Amino acid sequence: MFNPPFLDELGRRLQALAAQTPVVDLEKNARALLASAFSRLDLVTREEFDAQARLLARTREQLEQLEARVAQLEARAARPL
């Protein structure tokens, strides 16, 4: 019923036709404009953001541990001998 070579050829011709329209140029120009705008912003990648979030979480854990240790040492120092 279906003729795969005919459908493949039709698909190729439609792609070639779409590539020749001003829409492709408009899309390229829009992408270039957006890329230029984003490059001027101070943005980070998702991977960099996630890495910094993990680093911040570890730093917070260490800070909490150090605060607990300081409180323990202060309590010990406040006790009479």
PDB file of N, CA and C in Angstrom:
ATOM      1  N   MET A   1       0.817  -1.183   0.000  1.00  0.00           N
ATOM      2  CA  MET A   1       0.000   0.000   0.000  1.00  0.00           C
ATOM      3  C   MET A   1       0.869   1.257   0.000  1.00  0.00           C
ATOM      4  N   PHE A   2       1.812   1.357   0.964  1.00  0.00           N
ATOM      5  CA  PHE A   2       2.705   2.518   0.995  1.00  0.00           C
ATOM      6  C   PHE A   2       3.935   2.220   0.160  1.00  0.00           C
ATOM      7  N   ASN A   3       4.471   3.253  -0.419  1.00  0.00           N
ATOM      8  CA  ASN A   3       5.675   3.114  -1.220  1.00  0.00           C
ATOM      9  C   ASN A   3       6.794   3.875  -0.503  1.00  0.00           C
ATOM     10  N   PRO A   4       7.590   3.178   0.324  1.00  0.00           N
ATOM     11  CA  PRO A   4       8.617   3.860   1.113  1.00  0.00           C
ATOM     12  C   PRO A   4       9.588   4.701   0.278  1.00  0.00           C
ATOM     13  N   PRO A   5      10.076   4.235  -0.852  1.00  0.00           N
ATOM     14  CA  PRO A   5      10.979   5.094  -1.626  1.00  0.00           C
ATOM     15  C   PRO A   5      10.292   6.395  -2.062  1.00  0.00           C
ATOM     16  N   PHE A   6       9.013   6.295  -2.405  1.00  0.00           N
ATOM     17  CA  PHE A   6       8.281   7.499  -2.806  1.00  0.00           C
ATOM     18  C   PHE A   6       8.176   8.468  -1.628  1.00  0.00           C
ATOM     19  N   LEU A   7       7.872   7.930  -0.449  1.00  0.00           N
ATOM     20  CA  LEU A   7       7.746   8.778   0.740  1.00  0.00           C
ATOM     21  C   LEU A   7       9.101   9.388   1.120  1.00  0.00           C
ATOM     22  N   ASP A   8      10.163   8.608   0.988  1.00  0.00           N
ATOM     23  CA  ASP A   8      11.507   9.136   1.272  1.00  0.00           C
ATOM     24  C   ASP A   8      11.843  10.282   0.322  1.00  0.00           C
ATOM     25  N   GLU A   9      11.556  10.077  -0.952  1.00  0.00           N
ATOM     26  CA  GLU A   9      11.833  11.115  -1.948  1.00  0.00           C
ATOM     27  C   GLU A   9      10.988  12.358  -1.675  1.00  0.00           C
ATOM     28  N   LEU A  10       9.746  12.167  -1.328  1.00  0.00           N
ATOM     29  CA  LEU A  10       8.863  13.281  -1.011  1.00  0.00           C
ATOM     30  C   LEU A  10       9.400  14.052   0.198  1.00  0.00           C
ATOM     31  N   GLY A  11       9.850  13.336   1.206  1.00  0.00           N
ATOM     32  CA  GLY A  11      10.424  13.969   2.390  1.00  0.00           C
ATOM     33  C   GLY A  11      11.664  14.772   2.053  1.00  0.00           C
ATOM     34  N   ARG A  12      12.537  14.211   1.222  1.00  0.00           N
ATOM     35  CA  ARG A  12      13.753  14.921   0.818  1.00  0.00           C
ATOM     36  C   ARG A  12      13.417  16.190   0.042  1.00  0.00           C
ATOM     37  N   ARG A  13      12.440  16.090  -0.841  1.00  0.00           N
ATOM     38  CA  ARG A  13      12.056  17.266  -1.635  1.00  0.00           C
ATOM     39  C   ARG A  13      11.430  18.353  -0.758  1.00  0.00           C
ATOM     40  N   LEU A  14      10.622  17.940   0.209  1.00  0.00           N
ATOM     41  CA  LEU A  14      10.028  18.923   1.113  1.00  0.00           C
ATOM     42  C   LEU A  14      11.093  19.599   1.974  1.00  0.00           C
ATOM     43  N   GLN A  15      12.075  18.837   2.415  1.00  0.00           N
ATOM     44  CA  GLN A  15      13.162  19.422   3.200  1.00  0.00           C
ATOM     45  C   GLN A  15      13.967  20.401   2.359  1.00  0.00           C
ATOM     46  N   ALA A  16      14.239  20.023   1.108  1.00  0.00           N
ATOM     47  CA  ALA A  16      14.988  20.914   0.214  1.00  0.00           C
ATOM     48  C   ALA A  16      14.199  22.187  -0.044  1.00  0.00           C
ATOM     49  N   LEU A  17      12.901  22.049  -0.226  1.00  0.00           N
ATOM     50  CA  LEU A  17      12.054  23.207  -0.462  1.00  0.00           C
ATOM     51  C   LEU A  17      12.023  24.115   0.774  1.00  0.00           C
ATOM     52  N   ALA A  18      11.918  23.519   1.950  1.00  0.00           N
ATOM     53  CA  ALA A  18      11.885  24.299   3.192  1.00  0.00           C
ATOM     54  C   ALA A  18      13.217  25.003   3.424  1.00  0.00           C
ATOM     55  N   ALA A  19      14.315  24.372   2.992  1.00  0.00           N
ATOM     56  CA  ALA A  19      15.635  24.970   3.194  1.00  0.00           C
ATOM     57  C   ALA A  19      15.830  26.198   2.313  1.00  0.00           C
ATOM     58  N   GLN A  20      15.049  26.328   1.275  1.00  0.00           N
ATOM     59  CA  GLN A  20      15.205  27.440   0.349  1.00  0.00           C
ATOM     60  C   GLN A  20      14.295  28.613   0.690  1.00  0.00           C
ATOM     61  N   THR A  21      13.515  28.512   1.723  1.00  0.00           N
ATOM     62  CA  THR A  21      12.574  29.577   2.066  1.00  0.00           C
ATOM     63  C   THR A  21      13.240  30.587   2.992  1.00  0.00           C
ATOM     64  N   PRO A  22      12.696  31.772   3.091  1.00  0.00           N
ATOM     65  CA  PRO A  22      13.247  32.785   4.000  1.00  0.00           C
ATOM     66  C   PRO A  22      13.126  32.398   5.470  1.00  0.00           C
ATOM     67  N   VAL A  23      12.308  31.403   5.762  1.00  0.00           N
ATOM     68  CA  VAL A  23      12.143  30.976   7.156  1.00  0.00           C
ATOM     69  C   VAL A  23      13.477  30.500   7.726  1.00  0.00           C
ATOM     70  N   VAL A  24      14.269  29.811   6.924  1.00  0.00           N
ATOM     71  CA  VAL A  24      15.563  29.317   7.392  1.00  0.00           C
ATOM     72  C   VAL A  24      16.471  30.491   7.739  1.00  0.00           C
ATOM     73  N   ASP A  25      16.503  31.509   6.874  1.00  0.00           N
ATOM     74  CA  ASP A  25      17.319  32.686   7.157  1.00  0.00           C
ATOM     75  C   ASP A  25      16.823  33.403   8.407  1.00  0.00           C
ATOM     76  N   LEU A  26      15.527  33.491   8.544  1.00  0.00           N
ATOM     77  CA  LEU A  26      14.950  34.129   9.716  1.00  0.00           C
ATOM     78  C   LEU A  26      15.329  33.364  10.983  1.00  0.00           C
ATOM     79  N   GLU A  27      15.276  32.040  10.918  1.00  0.00           N
ATOM     80  CA  GLU A  27      15.638  31.222  12.074  1.00  0.00           C
ATOM     81  C   GLU A  27      17.111  31.408  12.419  1.00  0.00           C
ATOM     82  N   LYS A  28      17.981  31.414  11.409  1.00  0.00           N
ATOM     83  CA  LYS A  28      19.417  31.607  11.659  1.00  0.00           C
ATOM     84  C   LYS A  28      19.676  32.974  12.284  1.00  0.00           C
ATOM     85  N   ASN A  29      19.013  33.993  11.751  1.00  0.00           N
ATOM     86  CA  ASN A  29      19.197  35.341  12.293  1.00  0.00           C
ATOM     87  C   ASN A  29      18.675  35.439  13.720  1.00  0.00           C
ATOM     88  N   ALA A  30      17.549  34.805  13.993  1.00  0.00           N
ATOM     89  CA  ALA A  30      16.993  34.822  15.345  1.00  0.00           C
ATOM     90  C   ALA A  30      17.920  34.109  16.323  1.00  0.00           C
ATOM     91  N   ARG A  31      18.462  32.989  15.892  1.00  0.00           N
ATOM     92  CA  ARG A  31      19.394  32.255  16.763  1.00  0.00           C
ATOM     93  C   ARG A  31      20.640  33.091  17.043  1.00  0.00           C
ATOM     94  N   ALA A  32      21.161  33.735  16.011  1.00  0.00           N
ATOM     95  CA  ALA A  32      22.349  34.579  16.185  1.00  0.00           C
ATOM     96  C   ALA A  32      22.055  35.740  17.127  1.00  0.00           C
ATOM     97  N   LEU A  33      20.890  36.347  16.976  1.00  0.00           N
ATOM     98  CA  LEU A  33      20.503  37.459  17.835  1.00  0.00           C
ATOM     99  C   LEU A  33      20.370  37.009  19.286  1.00  0.00           C
ATOM    100  N   LEU A  34      19.720  35.869  19.494  1.00  0.00           N
ATOM    101  CA  LEU A  34      19.574  35.351  20.856  1.00  0.00           C
ATOM    102  C   LEU A  34      20.924  34.960  21.455  1.00  0.00           C
ATOM    103  N   ALA A  35      21.767  34.326  20.648  1.00  0.00           N
ATOM    104  CA  ALA A  35      23.094  33.933  21.139  1.00  0.00           C
ATOM    105  C   ALA A  35      23.885  35.168  21.544  1.00  0.00           C
ATOM    106  N   SER A  36      23.788  36.231  20.753  1.00  0.00           N
ATOM    107  CA  SER A  36      24.486  37.469  21.079  1.00  0.00           C
ATOM    108  C   SER A  36      23.951  38.082  22.372  1.00  0.00           C
ATOM    109  N   ALA A  37      22.638  38.088  22.513  1.00  0.00           N
ATOM    110  CA  ALA A  37      22.030  38.648  23.727  1.00  0.00           C
ATOM    111  C   ALA A  37      22.413  37.832  24.953  1.00  0.00           C
ATOM    112  N   PHE A  38      22.388  36.511  24.832  1.00  0.00           N
ATOM    113  CA  PHE A  38      22.739  35.657  25.977  1.00  0.00           C
ATOM    114  C   PHE A  38      24.212  35.774  26.330  1.00  0.00           C
ATOM    115  N   SER A  39      25.064  35.996  25.340  1.00  0.00           N
ATOM    116  CA  SER A  39      26.494  36.090  25.621  1.00  0.00           C
ATOM    117  C   SER A  39      26.809  37.355  26.421  1.00  0.00           C
ATOM    118  N   ARG A  40      25.983  38.390  26.289  1.00  0.00           N
ATOM    119  CA  ARG A  40      26.209  39.619  27.051  1.00  0.00           C
ATOM    120  C   ARG A  40      25.704  39.490  28.483  1.00  0.00           C
ATOM    121  N   LEU A  41      24.834  38.554  28.730  1.00  0.00           N
ATOM    122  CA  LEU A  41      24.333  38.340  30.086  1.00  0.00           C
ATOM    123  C   LEU A  41      25.331  37.500  30.867  1.00  0.00           C
ATOM    124  N   ASP A  42      25.286  37.619  32.152  1.00  0.00           N
ATOM    125  CA  ASP A  42      26.191  36.855  33.008  1.00  0.00           C
ATOM    126  C   ASP A  42      25.497  35.556  33.404  1.00  0.00           C
ATOM    127  N   LEU A  43      25.423  34.620  32.459  1.00  0.00           N
ATOM    128  CA  LEU A  43      24.727  33.362  32.684  1.00  0.00           C
ATOM    129  C   LEU A  43      25.723  32.232  32.908  1.00  0.00           C
ATOM    130  N   VAL A  44      25.276  31.197  33.594  1.00  0.00           N
ATOM    131  CA  VAL A  44      26.099  30.007  33.799  1.00  0.00           C
ATOM    132  C   VAL A  44      25.350  28.806  33.232  1.00  0.00           C
ATOM    133  N   THR A  45      26.100  27.774  32.943  1.00  0.00           N
ATOM    134  CA  THR A  45      25.468  26.553  32.446  1.00  0.00           C
ATOM    135  C   THR A  45      24.807  25.822  33.601  1.00  0.00           C
ATOM    136  N   ARG A  46      23.927  24.919  33.268  1.00  0.00           N
ATOM    137  CA  ARG A  46      23.240  24.127  34.300  1.00  0.00           C
ATOM    138  C   ARG A  46      24.248  23.296  35.072  1.00  0.00           C
ATOM    139  N   GLU A  47      25.249  22.756  34.378  1.00  0.00           N
ATOM    140  CA  GLU A  47      26.261  21.927  35.035  1.00  0.00           C
ATOM    141  C   GLU A  47      27.057  22.751  36.043  1.00  0.00           C
ATOM    142  N   GLU A  48      27.429  23.971  35.645  1.00  0.00           N
ATOM    143  CA  GLU A  48      28.181  24.830  36.553  1.00  0.00           C
ATOM    144  C   GLU A  48      27.327  25.219  37.761  1.00  0.00           C
ATOM    145  N   PHE A  49      26.056  25.509  37.523  1.00  0.00           N
ATOM    146  CA  PHE A  49      25.147  25.849  38.618  1.00  0.00           C
ATOM    147  C   PHE A  49      25.021  24.681  39.589  1.00  0.00           C
ATOM    148  N   ASP A  50      24.833  23.474  39.055  1.00  0.00           N
ATOM    149  CA  ASP A  50      24.694  22.294  39.915  1.00  0.00           C
ATOM    150  C   ASP A  50      25.969  22.044  40.706  1.00  0.00           C
ATOM    151  N   ALA A  51      27.121  22.235  40.073  1.00  0.00           N
ATOM    152  CA  ALA A  51      28.390  22.036  40.773  1.00  0.00           C
ATOM    153  C   ALA A  51      28.527  23.039  41.913  1.00  0.00           C
ATOM    154  N   GLN A  52      28.167  24.285  41.672  1.00  0.00           N
ATOM    155  CA  GLN A  52      28.247  25.301  42.720  1.00  0.00           C
ATOM    156  C   GLN A  52      27.244  25.021  43.843  1.00  0.00           C
ATOM    157  N   ALA A  53      26.074  24.508  43.491  1.00  0.00           N
ATOM    158  CA  ALA A  53      25.077  24.167  44.508  1.00  0.00           C
ATOM    159  C   ALA A  53      25.592  23.044  45.409  1.00  0.00           C
ATOM    160  N   ARG A  54      26.250  22.037  44.804  1.00  0.00           N
ATOM    161  CA  ARG A  54      26.829  20.951  45.612  1.00  0.00           C
ATOM    162  C   ARG A  54      27.932  21.485  46.519  1.00  0.00           C
ATOM    163  N   LEU A  55      28.768  22.365  45.985  1.00  0.00           N
ATOM    164  CA  LEU A  55      29.843  22.955  46.771  1.00  0.00           C
ATOM    165  C   LEU A  55      29.282  23.763  47.937  1.00  0.00           C
ATOM    166  N   LEU A  56      28.243  24.519  47.684  1.00  0.00           N
ATOM    167  CA  LEU A  56      27.609  25.307  48.742  1.00  0.00           C
ATOM    168  C   LEU A  56      27.017  24.397  49.823  1.00  0.00           C
ATOM    169  N   ALA A  57      26.392  23.304  49.407  1.00  0.00           N
ATOM    170  CA  ALA A  57      25.816  22.372  50.391  1.00  0.00           C
ATOM    171  C   ALA A  57      26.911  21.783  51.275  1.00  0.00           C
ATOM    172  N   ARG A  58      28.037  21.383  50.667  1.00  0.00           N
ATOM    173  CA  ARG A  58      29.153  20.837  51.463  1.00  0.00           C
ATOM    174  C   ARG A  58      29.715  21.896  52.407  1.00  0.00           C
ATOM    175  N   THR A  59      29.820  23.122  51.934  1.00  0.00           N
ATOM    176  CA  THR A  59      30.346  24.206  52.765  1.00  0.00           C
ATOM    177  C   THR A  59      29.424  24.467  53.943  1.00  0.00           C
ATOM    178  N   ARG A  60      28.120  24.429  53.707  1.00  0.00           N
ATOM    179  CA  ARG A  60      27.166  24.621  54.801  1.00  0.00           C
ATOM    180  C   ARG A  60      27.284  23.523  55.834  1.00  0.00           C
ATOM    181  N   GLU A  61      27.461  22.280  55.380  1.00  0.00           N
ATOM    182  CA  GLU A  61      27.625  21.164  56.321  1.00  0.00           C
ATOM    183  C   GLU A  61      28.870  21.368  57.174  1.00  0.00           C
ATOM    184  N   GLN A  62      29.966  21.773  56.534  1.00  0.00           N
ATOM    185  CA  GLN A  62      31.205  21.997  57.273  1.00  0.00           C
ATOM    186  C   GLN A  62      31.041  23.147  58.264  1.00  0.00           C
ATOM    187  N   LEU A  63      30.357  24.196  57.859  1.00  0.00           N
ATOM    188  CA  LEU A  63      30.127  25.330  58.746  1.00  0.00           C
ATOM    189  C   LEU A  63      29.313  24.903  59.965  1.00  0.00           C
ATOM    190  N   GLU A  64      28.274  24.109  59.740  1.00  0.00           N
ATOM    191  CA  GLU A  64      27.457  23.634  60.861  1.00  0.00           C
ATOM    192  C   GLU A  64      28.289  22.783  61.811  1.00  0.00           C
ATOM    193  N   GLN A  65      29.160  21.933  61.267  1.00  0.00           N
ATOM    194  CA  GLN A  65      30.017  21.108  62.103  1.00  0.00           C
ATOM    195  C   GLN A  65      30.986  21.973  62.918  1.00  0.00           C
ATOM    196  N   LEU A  66      31.554  22.984  62.255  1.00  0.00           N
ATOM    197  CA  LEU A  66      32.486  23.865  62.955  1.00  0.00           C
ATOM    198  C   LEU A  66      31.772  24.687  64.032  1.00  0.00           C
ATOM    199  N   GLU A  67      30.561  25.153  63.726  1.00  0.00           N
ATOM    200  CA  GLU A  67      29.799  25.898  64.733  1.00  0.00           C
ATOM    201  C   GLU A  67      29.502  25.028  65.944  1.00  0.00           C
ATOM    202  N   ALA A  68      29.146  23.773  65.701  1.00  0.00           N
ATOM    203  CA  ALA A  68      28.875  22.853  66.811  1.00  0.00           C
ATOM    204  C   ALA A  68      30.149  22.616  67.622  1.00  0.00           C
ATOM    205  N   ARG A  69      31.268  22.483  66.924  1.00  0.00           N
ATOM    206  CA  ARG A  69      32.549  22.259  67.612  1.00  0.00           C
ATOM    207  C   ARG A  69      32.932  23.473  68.454  1.00  0.00           C
ATOM    208  N   VAL A  70      32.742  24.684  67.914  1.00  0.00           N
ATOM    209  CA  VAL A  70      33.056  25.907  68.668  1.00  0.00           C
ATOM    210  C   VAL A  70      32.152  26.009  69.883  1.00  0.00           C
ATOM    211  N   ALA A  71      30.885  25.714  69.729  1.00  0.00           N
ATOM    212  CA  ALA A  71      29.958  25.771  70.863  1.00  0.00           C
ATOM    213  C   ALA A  71      30.386  24.775  71.944  1.00  0.00           C
ATOM    214  N   GLN A  72      30.827  23.606  71.508  1.00  0.00           N
ATOM    215  CA  GLN A  72      31.284  22.591  72.456  1.00  0.00           C
ATOM    216  C   GLN A  72      32.534  23.075  73.197  1.00  0.00           C
ATOM    217  N   LEU A  73      33.470  23.658  72.476  1.00  0.00           N
ATOM    218  CA  LEU A  73      34.704  24.153  73.111  1.00  0.00           C
ATOM    219  C   LEU A  73      34.419  25.328  74.033  1.00  0.00           C
ATOM    220  N   GLU A  74      33.491  26.204  73.638  1.00  0.00           N
ATOM    221  CA  GLU A  74      33.131  27.332  74.497  1.00  0.00           C
ATOM    222  C   GLU A  74      32.462  26.840  75.773  1.00  0.00           C
ATOM    223  N   ALA A  75      31.621  25.834  75.632  1.00  0.00           N
ATOM    224  CA  ALA A  75      30.953  25.282  76.822  1.00  0.00           C
ATOM    225  C   ALA A  75      31.973  24.647  77.748  1.00  0.00           C
ATOM    226  N   ARG A  76      32.922  23.960  77.172  1.00  0.00           N
ATOM    227  CA  ARG A  76      33.964  23.325  77.978  1.00  0.00           C
ATOM    228  C   ARG A  76      34.821  24.378  78.664  1.00  0.00           C
ATOM    229  N   ALA A  77      35.122  25.465  77.970  1.00  0.00           N
ATOM    230  CA  ALA A  77      35.959  26.531  78.529  1.00  0.00           C
ATOM    231  C   ALA A  77      35.206  27.290  79.620  1.00  0.00           C
ATOM    232  N   ALA A  78      33.891  27.347  79.529  1.00  0.00           N
ATOM    233  CA  ALA A  78      33.095  28.085  80.523  1.00  0.00           C
ATOM    234  C   ALA A  78      32.935  27.303  81.826  1.00  0.00           C
ATOM    235  N   ARG A  79      33.156  25.991  81.779  1.00  0.00           N
ATOM    236  CA  ARG A  79      33.007  25.180  82.981  1.00  0.00           C
ATOM    237  C   ARG A  79      34.168  25.458  83.951  1.00  0.00           C
ATOM    238  N   PRO A  80      33.830  25.551  85.235  1.00  0.00           N
ATOM    239  CA  PRO A  80      34.921  25.752  86.222  1.00  0.00           C
ATOM    240  C   PRO A  80      35.776  24.490  86.344  1.00  0.00           C
ATOM    241  N   LEU A  81      37.017  24.700  86.616  1.00  0.00           N
ATOM    242  CA  LEU A  81      37.936  23.570  86.764  1.00  0.00           C
ATOM    243  C   LEU A  81      37.830  22.980  88.087  1.00  0.00           C
TER     244      LEU A  81
END
